[in-house]
Amino acid sequence: MNADQSYLESVKKQFLYYKMLGEKAINQLEPEQLFIAVNEDTNSIATIVKHISGNMLSRWTDFLTSDGEKEWRNRDAEFENDLQSKDEVLELWNKGWNCLQNALNSLKPEQLSQIIYIRNEGHTVIEAINRQLAHYPYHIGQIVFYAKQLKNNPWESLSIPKNKSGNYNAEKFAKEKEIKNFTDEELKRLK
């Protein structure tokens, strides 16, 4: 596998990892908790999802052939808290992620140096991917942080539980070296 193909496989895994983190956080909450905003300057988790999805649909639709800021996108409306149910939130979440995944799966290694535009500013495909690989985890971090605050019951850690690093490391170092792979089910969701 050449470096460009390795890069594409790596970013697919990274996006999938952050998608799973967001879903695991969302799934720990009661549906009504997705719509809580503590003040006017705070977005609910539902609103953050709406923004991420809107960004994904704009950036990844016709990724190589049209500006990433689509004329039909209404970014300001993404911050209106108008979703009504957890099902609507998850439908929008999946719509955005499916658009991203379809675009990534259609990319060829030789296209990584191609110039694309976001708000009329040129980026290589690699730069555009990296831009989004920074943007989405930023918002997913907000979702996780907010979900931990809203959770009524004990939080199920999404990484190494607090005060368990020693146990985690002992378990990892007791095994042979390995390359992190996703399960078949996780990879199916990526495709």
C-alpha atoms as a PDB file:
ATOM      1  CA  MET A   1       0.000   0.000   0.000  1.00  0.00           C
ATOM      2  CA  ASN A   2       1.441   3.387  -0.961  1.00  0.00           C
ATOM      3  CA  ALA A   3       1.537   6.419   1.360  1.00  0.00           C
ATOM      4  CA  ASP A   4      -1.505   8.102  -0.228  1.00  0.00           C
ATOM      5  CA  GLN A   5      -3.626   4.953   0.132  1.00  0.00           C
ATOM      6  CA  SER A   6      -2.401   4.563   3.726  1.00  0.00           C
ATOM      7  CA  TYR A   7      -3.429   8.160   4.405  1.00  0.00           C
ATOM      8  CA  LEU A   8      -6.935   7.559   3.054  1.00  0.00           C
ATOM      9  CA  GLU A   9      -7.353   4.407   5.147  1.00  0.00           C
ATOM     10  CA  SER A  10      -6.060   6.239   8.209  1.00  0.00           C
ATOM     11  CA  VAL A  11      -8.465   9.171   7.899  1.00  0.00           C
ATOM     12  CA  LYS A  12     -11.394   6.809   7.346  1.00  0.00           C
ATOM     13  CA  LYS A  13     -10.509   5.097  10.630  1.00  0.00           C
ATOM     14  CA  GLN A  14     -10.121   8.421  12.426  1.00  0.00           C
ATOM     15  CA  PHE A  15     -13.490   9.723  11.252  1.00  0.00           C
ATOM     16  CA  LEU A  16     -15.116   6.423  12.224  1.00  0.00           C
ATOM     17  CA  TYR A  17     -13.530   6.602  15.681  1.00  0.00           C
ATOM     18  CA  TYR A  18     -14.967  10.071  16.319  1.00  0.00           C
ATOM     19  CA  LYS A  19     -18.351   9.064  14.939  1.00  0.00           C
ATOM     20  CA  MET A  20     -18.421   6.164  17.408  1.00  0.00           C
ATOM     21  CA  LEU A  21     -17.401   8.439  20.306  1.00  0.00           C
ATOM     22  CA  GLY A  22     -20.266  10.807  19.530  1.00  0.00           C
ATOM     23  CA  GLU A  23     -22.758   7.960  19.245  1.00  0.00           C
ATOM     24  CA  LYS A  24     -21.613   6.346  22.488  1.00  0.00           C
ATOM     25  CA  ALA A  25     -22.023   9.670  24.293  1.00  0.00           C
ATOM     26  CA  ILE A  26     -25.449  10.359  22.775  1.00  0.00           C
ATOM     27  CA  ASN A  27     -26.659   6.858  23.576  1.00  0.00           C
ATOM     28  CA  GLN A  28     -25.960   7.324  27.290  1.00  0.00           C
ATOM     29  CA  LEU A  29     -28.517  10.120  27.529  1.00  0.00           C
ATOM     30  CA  GLU A  30     -32.266  10.220  27.866  1.00  0.00           C
ATOM     31  CA  PRO A  31     -33.821  11.582  24.644  1.00  0.00           C
ATOM     32  CA  GLU A  32     -34.927  14.866  26.244  1.00  0.00           C
ATOM     33  CA  GLN A  33     -31.360  15.579  27.396  1.00  0.00           C
ATOM     34  CA  LEU A  34     -30.276  16.017  23.765  1.00  0.00           C
ATOM     35  CA  PHE A  35     -32.270  19.255  23.615  1.00  0.00           C
ATOM     36  CA  ILE A  36     -31.010  20.993  26.767  1.00  0.00           C
ATOM     37  CA  ALA A  37     -29.157  24.279  26.329  1.00  0.00           C
ATOM     38  CA  VAL A  38     -28.113  25.897  29.600  1.00  0.00           C
ATOM     39  CA  ASN A  39     -28.195  29.460  28.247  1.00  0.00           C
ATOM     40  CA  GLU A  40     -28.608  31.474  25.038  1.00  0.00           C
ATOM     41  CA  ASP A  41     -24.935  31.126  24.155  1.00  0.00           C
ATOM     42  CA  THR A  42     -24.899  27.349  24.531  1.00  0.00           C
ATOM     43  CA  ASN A  43     -25.939  24.847  21.892  1.00  0.00           C
ATOM     44  CA  SER A  44     -27.775  21.681  22.800  1.00  0.00           C
ATOM     45  CA  ILE A  45     -26.318  18.383  21.638  1.00  0.00           C
ATOM     46  CA  ALA A  46     -29.106  18.241  19.049  1.00  0.00           C
ATOM     47  CA  THR A  47     -28.028  21.630  17.710  1.00  0.00           C
ATOM     48  CA  ILE A  48     -24.365  20.598  17.586  1.00  0.00           C
ATOM     49  CA  VAL A  49     -25.406  17.503  15.616  1.00  0.00           C
ATOM     50  CA  LYS A  50     -27.463  19.682  13.274  1.00  0.00           C
ATOM     51  CA  HIS A  51     -24.419  21.899  12.653  1.00  0.00           C
ATOM     52  CA  ILE A  52     -22.019  18.978  12.107  1.00  0.00           C
ATOM     53  CA  SER A  53     -24.448  17.380   9.674  1.00  0.00           C
ATOM     54  CA  GLY A  54     -25.012  20.650   7.799  1.00  0.00           C
ATOM     55  CA  ASN A  55     -21.280  21.138   7.490  1.00  0.00           C
ATOM     56  CA  MET A  56     -20.753  17.560   6.303  1.00  0.00           C
ATOM     57  CA  LEU A  57     -23.480  17.766   3.692  1.00  0.00           C
ATOM     58  CA  SER A  58     -22.066  21.035   2.387  1.00  0.00           C
ATOM     59  CA  ARG A  59     -18.415  20.023   2.425  1.00  0.00           C
ATOM     60  CA  TRP A  60     -18.713  16.457   1.125  1.00  0.00           C
ATOM     61  CA  THR A  61     -21.492  16.718  -1.493  1.00  0.00           C
ATOM     62  CA  ASP A  62     -19.765  16.920  -4.897  1.00  0.00           C
ATOM     63  CA  PHE A  63     -16.539  17.165  -2.910  1.00  0.00           C
ATOM     64  CA  LEU A  64     -14.170  17.351  -5.883  1.00  0.00           C
ATOM     65  CA  THR A  65     -16.317  19.426  -8.214  1.00  0.00           C
ATOM     66  CA  SER A  66     -18.077  22.211  -6.277  1.00  0.00           C
ATOM     67  CA  ASP A  67     -17.211  24.676  -3.539  1.00  0.00           C
ATOM     68  CA  GLY A  68     -17.510  23.138  -0.071  1.00  0.00           C
ATOM     69  CA  GLU A  69     -19.748  25.977   1.082  1.00  0.00           C
ATOM     70  CA  LYS A  70     -22.850  25.189  -0.947  1.00  0.00           C
ATOM     71  CA  GLU A  71     -25.288  27.922  -1.961  1.00  0.00           C
ATOM     72  CA  TRP A  72     -28.140  25.892  -0.455  1.00  0.00           C
ATOM     73  CA  ARG A  73     -26.503  25.680   2.984  1.00  0.00           C
ATOM     74  CA  ASN A  74     -28.046  27.884   5.666  1.00  0.00           C
ATOM     75  CA  ARG A  75     -25.385  27.735   8.366  1.00  0.00           C
ATOM     76  CA  ASP A  76     -27.221  30.135  10.686  1.00  0.00           C
ATOM     77  CA  ALA A  77     -30.290  27.865  10.677  1.00  0.00           C
ATOM     78  CA  GLU A  78     -28.100  24.988  11.873  1.00  0.00           C
ATOM     79  CA  PHE A  79     -27.983  26.734  15.252  1.00  0.00           C
ATOM     80  CA  GLU A  80     -31.756  26.890  15.657  1.00  0.00           C
ATOM     81  CA  ASN A  81     -32.828  24.216  18.118  1.00  0.00           C
ATOM     82  CA  ASP A  82     -35.807  22.899  16.116  1.00  0.00           C
ATOM     83  CA  LEU A  83     -35.308  19.125  16.100  1.00  0.00           C
ATOM     84  CA  GLN A  84     -38.047  17.326  18.018  1.00  0.00           C
ATOM     85  CA  SER A  85     -36.897  13.766  18.713  1.00  0.00           C
ATOM     86  CA  LYS A  86     -33.848  11.602  19.208  1.00  0.00           C
ATOM     87  CA  ASP A  87     -34.776   9.798  15.982  1.00  0.00           C
ATOM     88  CA  GLU A  88     -34.594  13.110  14.068  1.00  0.00           C
ATOM     89  CA  VAL A  89     -31.208  13.868  15.666  1.00  0.00           C
ATOM     90  CA  LEU A  90     -29.806  10.455  14.735  1.00  0.00           C
ATOM     91  CA  GLU A  91     -31.263  10.632  11.224  1.00  0.00           C
ATOM     92  CA  LEU A  92     -29.501  13.945  10.621  1.00  0.00           C
ATOM     93  CA  TRP A  93     -26.307  12.609  12.252  1.00  0.00           C
ATOM     94  CA  ASN A  94     -26.274   9.597   9.945  1.00  0.00           C
ATOM     95  CA  LYS A  95     -27.131  11.644   6.862  1.00  0.00           C
ATOM     96  CA  GLY A  96     -24.043  13.798   7.371  1.00  0.00           C
ATOM     97  CA  TRP A  97     -21.734  10.895   8.190  1.00  0.00           C
ATOM     98  CA  ASN A  98     -22.998   8.879   5.201  1.00  0.00           C
ATOM     99  CA  CYS A  99     -22.242  11.808   2.893  1.00  0.00           C
ATOM    100  CA  LEU A 100     -18.706  12.095   4.315  1.00  0.00           C
ATOM    101  CA  GLN A 101     -18.083   8.355   4.105  1.00  0.00           C
ATOM    102  CA  ASN A 102     -19.359   8.093   0.536  1.00  0.00           C
ATOM    103  CA  ALA A 103     -17.066  10.934  -0.530  1.00  0.00           C
ATOM    104  CA  LEU A 104     -14.039   9.409   1.208  1.00  0.00           C
ATOM    105  CA  ASN A 105     -14.771   5.969  -0.234  1.00  0.00           C
ATOM    106  CA  SER A 106     -14.898   7.420  -3.745  1.00  0.00           C
ATOM    107  CA  LEU A 107     -11.500   9.128  -3.477  1.00  0.00           C
ATOM    108  CA  LYS A 108      -8.485   7.743  -5.291  1.00  0.00           C
ATOM    109  CA  PRO A 109      -4.963   8.248  -3.917  1.00  0.00           C
ATOM    110  CA  GLU A 110      -3.964  10.238  -6.998  1.00  0.00           C
ATOM    111  CA  GLN A 111      -6.685  12.824  -6.197  1.00  0.00           C
ATOM    112  CA  LEU A 112      -5.160  13.859  -2.850  1.00  0.00           C
ATOM    113  CA  SER A 113      -3.148  16.711  -4.344  1.00  0.00           C
ATOM    114  CA  GLN A 114      -6.086  18.028  -6.399  1.00  0.00           C
ATOM    115  CA  ILE A 115      -7.225  21.549  -5.478  1.00  0.00           C
ATOM    116  CA  ILE A 116     -10.767  21.989  -4.189  1.00  0.00           C
ATOM    117  CA  TYR A 117     -12.417  25.120  -2.821  1.00  0.00           C
ATOM    118  CA  ILE A 118     -14.118  26.002   0.437  1.00  0.00           C
ATOM    119  CA  ARG A 119     -15.621  29.504   0.421  1.00  0.00           C
ATOM    120  CA  ASN A 120     -13.566  30.197  -2.701  1.00  0.00           C
ATOM    121  CA  GLU A 121     -10.284  29.366  -0.897  1.00  0.00           C
ATOM    122  CA  GLY A 122      -8.183  26.665  -2.535  1.00  0.00           C
ATOM    123  CA  HIS A 123      -7.142  23.591  -0.551  1.00  0.00           C
ATOM    124  CA  THR A 124      -5.542  20.351  -1.603  1.00  0.00           C
ATOM    125  CA  VAL A 125      -7.828  17.401  -0.927  1.00  0.00           C
ATOM    126  CA  ILE A 126      -5.488  16.446   1.934  1.00  0.00           C
ATOM    127  CA  GLU A 127      -5.802  19.933   3.454  1.00  0.00           C
ATOM    128  CA  ALA A 128      -9.588  19.833   3.124  1.00  0.00           C
ATOM    129  CA  ILE A 129      -9.763  16.422   4.784  1.00  0.00           C
ATOM    130  CA  ASN A 130      -7.442  17.542   7.592  1.00  0.00           C
ATOM    131  CA  ARG A 131      -9.545  20.675   8.090  1.00  0.00           C
ATOM    132  CA  GLN A 132     -12.633  18.539   8.690  1.00  0.00           C
ATOM    133  CA  LEU A 133     -10.676  16.013  10.762  1.00  0.00           C
ATOM    134  CA  ALA A 134      -9.978  18.894  13.153  1.00  0.00           C
ATOM    135  CA  HIS A 135     -13.478  20.421  12.977  1.00  0.00           C
ATOM    136  CA  TYR A 136     -15.646  17.382  13.702  1.00  0.00           C
ATOM    137  CA  PRO A 137     -13.654  16.084  16.709  1.00  0.00           C
ATOM    138  CA  TYR A 138     -13.834  19.610  18.171  1.00  0.00           C
ATOM    139  CA  HIS A 139     -17.629  19.413  18.146  1.00  0.00           C
ATOM    140  CA  ILE A 140     -17.711  15.771  19.196  1.00  0.00           C
ATOM    141  CA  GLY A 141     -15.605  16.775  22.194  1.00  0.00           C
ATOM    142  CA  GLN A 142     -18.330  19.304  23.019  1.00  0.00           C
ATOM    143  CA  ILE A 143     -20.962  16.573  22.734  1.00  0.00           C
ATOM    144  CA  VAL A 144     -19.003  14.238  25.032  1.00  0.00           C
ATOM    145  CA  PHE A 145     -18.302  16.966  27.597  1.00  0.00           C
ATOM    146  CA  TYR A 146     -21.926  18.102  27.632  1.00  0.00           C
ATOM    147  CA  ALA A 147     -23.249  14.533  27.776  1.00  0.00           C
ATOM    148  CA  LYS A 148     -21.078  13.822  30.821  1.00  0.00           C
ATOM    149  CA  GLN A 149     -22.589  16.841  32.551  1.00  0.00           C
ATOM    150  CA  LEU A 150     -26.160  15.886  31.646  1.00  0.00           C
ATOM    151  CA  LYS A 151     -25.937  12.173  32.470  1.00  0.00           C
ATOM    152  CA  ASN A 152     -28.123  11.266  35.442  1.00  0.00           C
ATOM    153  CA  ASN A 153     -26.460   7.921  36.129  1.00  0.00           C
ATOM    154  CA  PRO A 154     -22.773   7.001  36.293  1.00  0.00           C
ATOM    155  CA  TRP A 155     -20.939   7.783  33.054  1.00  0.00           C
ATOM    156  CA  GLU A 156     -19.648   4.844  31.024  1.00  0.00           C
ATOM    157  CA  SER A 157     -16.162   5.924  30.003  1.00  0.00           C
ATOM    158  CA  LEU A 158     -15.493   6.210  26.274  1.00  0.00           C
ATOM    159  CA  SER A 159     -11.766   5.686  26.750  1.00  0.00           C
ATOM    160  CA  ILE A 160      -9.642   4.624  29.721  1.00  0.00           C
ATOM    161  CA  PRO A 161     -11.757   5.031  32.885  1.00  0.00           C
ATOM    162  CA  LYS A 162     -10.541   7.425  35.566  1.00  0.00           C
ATOM    163  CA  ASN A 163      -7.848   5.882  37.802  1.00  0.00           C
ATOM    164  CA  LYS A 164      -7.623   2.794  35.558  1.00  0.00           C
ATOM    165  CA  SER A 165      -4.592   3.717  33.405  1.00  0.00           C
ATOM    166  CA  GLY A 166      -2.300   1.270  35.198  1.00  0.00           C
ATOM    167  CA  ASN A 167      -4.689  -1.648  34.657  1.00  0.00           C
ATOM    168  CA  TYR A 168      -5.280  -0.660  31.046  1.00  0.00           C
ATOM    169  CA  ASN A 169      -1.559  -0.386  30.281  1.00  0.00           C
ATOM    170  CA  ALA A 170      -0.763  -3.679  32.057  1.00  0.00           C
ATOM    171  CA  GLU A 171      -3.394  -5.428  29.927  1.00  0.00           C
ATOM    172  CA  LYS A 172      -2.126  -3.842  26.696  1.00  0.00           C
ATOM    173  CA  PHE A 173       1.563  -4.582  27.371  1.00  0.00           C
ATOM    174  CA  ALA A 174       0.768  -8.179  28.323  1.00  0.00           C
ATOM    175  CA  LYS A 175      -0.275  -8.791  24.698  1.00  0.00           C
ATOM    176  CA  GLU A 176       1.762  -9.084  21.535  1.00  0.00           C
ATOM    177  CA  LYS A 177       2.200  -5.890  19.496  1.00  0.00           C
ATOM    178  CA  GLU A 178      -0.682  -5.332  17.096  1.00  0.00           C
ATOM    179  CA  ILE A 179      -2.056  -2.859  14.619  1.00  0.00           C
ATOM    180  CA  LYS A 180      -5.399  -1.393  15.709  1.00  0.00           C
ATOM    181  CA  ASN A 181      -8.180  -2.713  13.527  1.00  0.00           C
ATOM    182  CA  PHE A 182     -11.880  -2.129  13.655  1.00  0.00           C
ATOM    183  CA  THR A 183     -14.366  -4.968  13.899  1.00  0.00           C
ATOM    184  CA  ASP A 184     -16.151  -6.113  10.748  1.00  0.00           C
ATOM    185  CA  GLU A 185     -19.323  -4.386  11.978  1.00  0.00           C
ATOM    186  CA  GLU A 186     -17.463  -1.095  12.487  1.00  0.00           C
ATOM    187  CA  LEU A 187     -15.908  -1.330   9.025  1.00  0.00           C
ATOM    188  CA  LYS A 188     -19.318  -2.027   7.434  1.00  0.00           C
ATOM    189  CA  ARG A 189     -20.554   1.208   8.976  1.00  0.00           C
ATOM    190  CA  LEU A 190     -17.605   3.027   7.433  1.00  0.00           C
ATOM    191  CA  LYS A 191     -18.405   1.812   3.914  1.00  0.00           C
END
